[in-house]
Amino acid sequence: MTCQWYTTRPMQTQTPRIAVRELGHVSLFVRDLDAARGFYRDLLGLAETGTGKNGRIVFFSAGVHHHDVSCELARAEGPGPQAKGVPGLYHIAFDVGASLDDLATARAAVEAAGLVPFGETATSFSVRDPDGHEVELYVRGTA
């Protein structure tokens, strides 16, 4: 039996300084890309939209975005504490706006919170959540 731990009560928070518009995608490290294809493409019906990193990553879409899920071949073998690349969650990505100004606003907010951006591209950067998970913040449009 599954137990839900969440509540429907409003959270007591300050007014957010970042406006997340939607979940962008989830990236997973996997042990077997063919098995991932069998699950995400063949069973769930997501469209395979491409590959990257010399065939080490495959992208799947539910139809709106280039990809909603990406699966990258894990670089580490076996259980236990390991460096990035062990099977499991890679990162979560959030769309935070439509312009580079929106991205700059998000950067200012995370830096004001004492976080250090990393993994920067022209339209995105990442930070770590309190448990060390990588969270990418990006803008789709660059008007």
C-alpha atoms as a PDB file:
ATOM      1  CA  MET A   1       0.000   0.000   0.000  1.00  0.00           C
ATOM      2  CA  THR A   2       1.286   3.468  -0.877  1.00  0.00           C
ATOM      3  CA  CYS A   3       1.250   6.161   1.782  1.00  0.00           C
ATOM      4  CA  GLN A   4       0.964   9.817   0.769  1.00  0.00           C
ATOM      5  CA  TRP A   5       2.964  12.237   2.912  1.00  0.00           C
ATOM      6  CA  TYR A   6       1.880  15.507   1.345  1.00  0.00           C
ATOM      7  CA  THR A   7      -0.780  17.908   2.549  1.00  0.00           C
ATOM      8  CA  THR A   8      -3.299  20.101   0.770  1.00  0.00           C
ATOM      9  CA  ARG A   9      -2.854  22.902   3.315  1.00  0.00           C
ATOM     10  CA  PRO A  10      -1.233  26.053   1.907  1.00  0.00           C
ATOM     11  CA  MET A  11       2.471  26.288   2.656  1.00  0.00           C
ATOM     12  CA  GLN A  12       3.641  29.298   4.611  1.00  0.00           C
ATOM     13  CA  THR A  13       6.238  30.831   2.323  1.00  0.00           C
ATOM     14  CA  GLN A  14       7.494  34.208   1.301  1.00  0.00           C
ATOM     15  CA  THR A  15       6.471  35.560  -2.077  1.00  0.00           C
ATOM     16  CA  PRO A  16       8.573  33.643  -4.608  1.00  0.00           C
ATOM     17  CA  ARG A  17      11.130  35.563  -6.608  1.00  0.00           C
ATOM     18  CA  ILE A  18      11.309  32.903  -9.324  1.00  0.00           C
ATOM     19  CA  ALA A  19       8.216  32.147 -11.375  1.00  0.00           C
ATOM     20  CA  VAL A  20       8.375  28.485 -12.434  1.00  0.00           C
ATOM     21  CA  ARG A  21       6.035  28.055 -15.386  1.00  0.00           C
ATOM     22  CA  GLU A  22       6.216  24.285 -15.750  1.00  0.00           C
ATOM     23  CA  LEU A  23       8.389  21.246 -15.205  1.00  0.00           C
ATOM     24  CA  GLY A  24      10.769  21.124 -18.136  1.00  0.00           C
ATOM     25  CA  HIS A  25      11.995  17.538 -18.097  1.00  0.00           C
ATOM     26  CA  VAL A  26      13.381  14.792 -15.901  1.00  0.00           C
ATOM     27  CA  SER A  27      16.767  13.247 -16.684  1.00  0.00           C
ATOM     28  CA  LEU A  28      17.689   9.785 -15.482  1.00  0.00           C
ATOM     29  CA  PHE A  29      20.921   7.804 -15.467  1.00  0.00           C
ATOM     30  CA  VAL A  30      20.118   4.249 -16.586  1.00  0.00           C
ATOM     31  CA  ARG A  31      22.043   0.998 -16.891  1.00  0.00           C
ATOM     32  CA  ASP A  32      20.583  -0.075 -20.265  1.00  0.00           C
ATOM     33  CA  LEU A  33      19.391   2.302 -23.007  1.00  0.00           C
ATOM     34  CA  ASP A  34      17.575  -0.458 -24.884  1.00  0.00           C
ATOM     35  CA  ALA A  35      15.606  -1.327 -21.743  1.00  0.00           C
ATOM     36  CA  ALA A  36      14.824   2.379 -21.268  1.00  0.00           C
ATOM     37  CA  ARG A  37      13.574   2.559 -24.855  1.00  0.00           C
ATOM     38  CA  GLY A  38      11.438  -0.501 -24.241  1.00  0.00           C
ATOM     39  CA  PHE A  39       9.820   1.147 -21.229  1.00  0.00           C
ATOM     40  CA  TYR A  40       9.484   4.836 -22.164  1.00  0.00           C
ATOM     41  CA  ARG A  41       8.934   4.462 -25.926  1.00  0.00           C
ATOM     42  CA  ASP A  42       7.415   1.036 -26.426  1.00  0.00           C
ATOM     43  CA  LEU A  43       5.377   0.658 -23.228  1.00  0.00           C
ATOM     44  CA  LEU A  44       4.487   4.238 -22.262  1.00  0.00           C
ATOM     45  CA  GLY A  45       4.202   5.443 -25.857  1.00  0.00           C
ATOM     46  CA  LEU A  46       6.545   8.441 -25.603  1.00  0.00           C
ATOM     47  CA  ALA A  47       8.113   9.437 -28.911  1.00  0.00           C
ATOM     48  CA  GLU A  48      11.860   9.020 -29.207  1.00  0.00           C
ATOM     49  CA  THR A  49      13.028  12.460 -30.356  1.00  0.00           C
ATOM     50  CA  GLY A  50      16.781  12.003 -30.604  1.00  0.00           C
ATOM     51  CA  THR A  51      20.048  10.979 -29.065  1.00  0.00           C
ATOM     52  CA  GLY A  52      23.090  12.807 -27.790  1.00  0.00           C
ATOM     53  CA  LYS A  53      26.524  12.449 -26.248  1.00  0.00           C
ATOM     54  CA  ASN A  54      27.624  10.001 -28.945  1.00  0.00           C
ATOM     55  CA  GLY A  55      24.629   7.747 -28.351  1.00  0.00           C
ATOM     56  CA  ARG A  56      24.898   7.747 -24.547  1.00  0.00           C
ATOM     57  CA  ILE A  57      21.624   9.634 -24.084  1.00  0.00           C
ATOM     58  CA  VAL A  58      18.161   9.209 -25.597  1.00  0.00           C
ATOM     59  CA  PHE A  59      15.302  11.726 -25.441  1.00  0.00           C
ATOM     60  CA  PHE A  60      11.560  10.961 -25.165  1.00  0.00           C
ATOM     61  CA  SER A  61       8.604  13.316 -25.633  1.00  0.00           C
ATOM     62  CA  ALA A  62       4.942  13.242 -24.706  1.00  0.00           C
ATOM     63  CA  GLY A  63       4.316  15.554 -27.648  1.00  0.00           C
ATOM     64  CA  VAL A  64       4.704  19.166 -26.528  1.00  0.00           C
ATOM     65  CA  HIS A  65       8.430  19.476 -25.737  1.00  0.00           C
ATOM     66  CA  HIS A  66      11.509  18.148 -27.487  1.00  0.00           C
ATOM     67  CA  HIS A  67      11.832  15.865 -24.463  1.00  0.00           C
ATOM     68  CA  ASP A  68      10.013  15.264 -21.206  1.00  0.00           C
ATOM     69  CA  VAL A  69      12.339  12.460 -20.148  1.00  0.00           C
ATOM     70  CA  SER A  70      15.960  11.844 -21.037  1.00  0.00           C
ATOM     71  CA  CYS A  71      17.837   8.668 -20.215  1.00  0.00           C
ATOM     72  CA  GLU A  72      21.626   8.693 -20.129  1.00  0.00           C
ATOM     73  CA  LEU A  73      23.792   5.612 -19.890  1.00  0.00           C
ATOM     74  CA  ALA A  74      25.190   5.446 -16.351  1.00  0.00           C
ATOM     75  CA  ARG A  75      28.923   5.772 -15.993  1.00  0.00           C
ATOM     76  CA  ALA A  76      29.198   3.998 -12.639  1.00  0.00           C
ATOM     77  CA  GLU A  77      28.602   0.326 -11.879  1.00  0.00           C
ATOM     78  CA  GLY A  78      27.066  -1.228  -8.786  1.00  0.00           C
ATOM     79  CA  PRO A  79      25.375   0.045  -5.619  1.00  0.00           C
ATOM     80  CA  GLY A  80      26.573   2.368  -2.886  1.00  0.00           C
ATOM     81  CA  PRO A  81      27.835   5.948  -2.792  1.00  0.00           C
ATOM     82  CA  GLN A  82      29.217   6.879  -6.164  1.00  0.00           C
ATOM     83  CA  ALA A  83      30.044   9.890  -8.224  1.00  0.00           C
ATOM     84  CA  LYS A  84      27.519  11.433 -10.614  1.00  0.00           C
ATOM     85  CA  GLY A  85      26.576   8.897 -13.218  1.00  0.00           C
ATOM     86  CA  VAL A  86      25.169   6.062 -11.114  1.00  0.00           C
ATOM     87  CA  PRO A  87      21.684   4.894 -12.183  1.00  0.00           C
ATOM     88  CA  GLY A  88      19.041   7.219 -10.782  1.00  0.00           C
ATOM     89  CA  LEU A  89      17.949  10.838 -10.994  1.00  0.00           C
ATOM     90  CA  TYR A  90      20.258  13.160 -12.897  1.00  0.00           C
ATOM     91  CA  HIS A  91      18.421  16.471 -12.670  1.00  0.00           C
ATOM     92  CA  ILE A  92      15.068  18.222 -12.705  1.00  0.00           C
ATOM     93  CA  ALA A  93      14.559  21.184 -15.056  1.00  0.00           C
ATOM     94  CA  PHE A  94      12.135  24.086 -14.659  1.00  0.00           C
ATOM     95  CA  ASP A  95      11.072  26.620 -17.282  1.00  0.00           C
ATOM     96  CA  VAL A  96      11.392  30.003 -15.516  1.00  0.00           C
ATOM     97  CA  GLY A  97      10.520  32.416 -18.303  1.00  0.00           C
ATOM     98  CA  ALA A  98      10.663  33.424 -21.912  1.00  0.00           C
ATOM     99  CA  SER A  99      13.616  35.822 -21.986  1.00  0.00           C
ATOM    100  CA  LEU A 100      17.207  36.194 -20.916  1.00  0.00           C
ATOM    101  CA  ASP A 101      15.966  38.873 -18.494  1.00  0.00           C
ATOM    102  CA  ASP A 102      13.804  36.201 -16.834  1.00  0.00           C
ATOM    103  CA  LEU A 103      16.881  33.984 -16.556  1.00  0.00           C
ATOM    104  CA  ALA A 104      18.874  36.848 -15.036  1.00  0.00           C
ATOM    105  CA  THR A 105      16.084  37.419 -12.486  1.00  0.00           C
ATOM    106  CA  ALA A 106      16.210  33.740 -11.533  1.00  0.00           C
ATOM    107  CA  ARG A 107      20.013  33.895 -11.246  1.00  0.00           C
ATOM    108  CA  ALA A 108      19.796  36.930  -8.962  1.00  0.00           C
ATOM    109  CA  ALA A 109      17.265  35.129  -6.768  1.00  0.00           C
ATOM    110  CA  VAL A 110      19.347  31.978  -6.332  1.00  0.00           C
ATOM    111  CA  GLU A 111      22.530  33.949  -5.727  1.00  0.00           C
ATOM    112  CA  ALA A 112      20.714  36.085  -3.117  1.00  0.00           C
ATOM    113  CA  ALA A 113      19.765  32.808  -1.421  1.00  0.00           C
ATOM    114  CA  GLY A 114      23.451  31.891  -1.216  1.00  0.00           C
ATOM    115  CA  LEU A 115      23.401  29.271  -3.979  1.00  0.00           C
ATOM    116  CA  VAL A 116      26.152  28.990  -6.577  1.00  0.00           C
ATOM    117  CA  PRO A 117      24.998  28.478 -10.188  1.00  0.00           C
ATOM    118  CA  PHE A 118      26.908  25.934 -12.306  1.00  0.00           C
ATOM    119  CA  GLY A 119      26.616  24.108 -15.626  1.00  0.00           C
ATOM    120  CA  GLU A 120      25.702  27.287 -17.416  1.00  0.00           C
ATOM    121  CA  THR A 121      24.575  27.538 -21.020  1.00  0.00           C
ATOM    122  CA  ALA A 122      23.289  30.541 -22.949  1.00  0.00           C
ATOM    123  CA  THR A 123      19.737  29.800 -21.785  1.00  0.00           C
ATOM    124  CA  SER A 124      20.133  27.883 -18.516  1.00  0.00           C
ATOM    125  CA  PHE A 125      22.052  27.221 -15.322  1.00  0.00           C
ATOM    126  CA  SER A 126      21.817  24.725 -12.497  1.00  0.00           C
ATOM    127  CA  VAL A 127      21.838  24.848  -8.701  1.00  0.00           C
ATOM    128  CA  ARG A 128      21.641  22.152  -6.024  1.00  0.00           C
ATOM    129  CA  ASP A 129      18.654  21.627  -3.757  1.00  0.00           C
ATOM    130  CA  PRO A 130      19.227  21.028  -0.018  1.00  0.00           C
ATOM    131  CA  ASP A 131      19.747  17.292  -0.664  1.00  0.00           C
ATOM    132  CA  GLY A 132      22.226  17.893  -3.465  1.00  0.00           C
ATOM    133  CA  HIS A 133      19.876  17.179  -6.379  1.00  0.00           C
ATOM    134  CA  GLU A 134      20.697  19.133  -9.500  1.00  0.00           C
ATOM    135  CA  VAL A 135      17.950  21.591 -10.498  1.00  0.00           C
ATOM    136  CA  GLU A 136      18.238  23.262 -13.903  1.00  0.00           C
ATOM    137  CA  LEU A 137      16.512  26.610 -14.448  1.00  0.00           C
ATOM    138  CA  TYR A 138      16.056  27.589 -18.084  1.00  0.00           C
ATOM    139  CA  VAL A 139      14.215  29.853 -20.489  1.00  0.00           C
ATOM    140  CA  ARG A 140      12.747  28.482 -23.713  1.00  0.00           C
ATOM    141  CA  GLY A 141      12.304  31.698 -25.644  1.00  0.00           C
ATOM    142  CA  THR A 142      15.063  34.275 -25.738  1.00  0.00           C
ATOM    143  CA  ALA A 143      13.157  37.368 -26.767  1.00  0.00           C
END
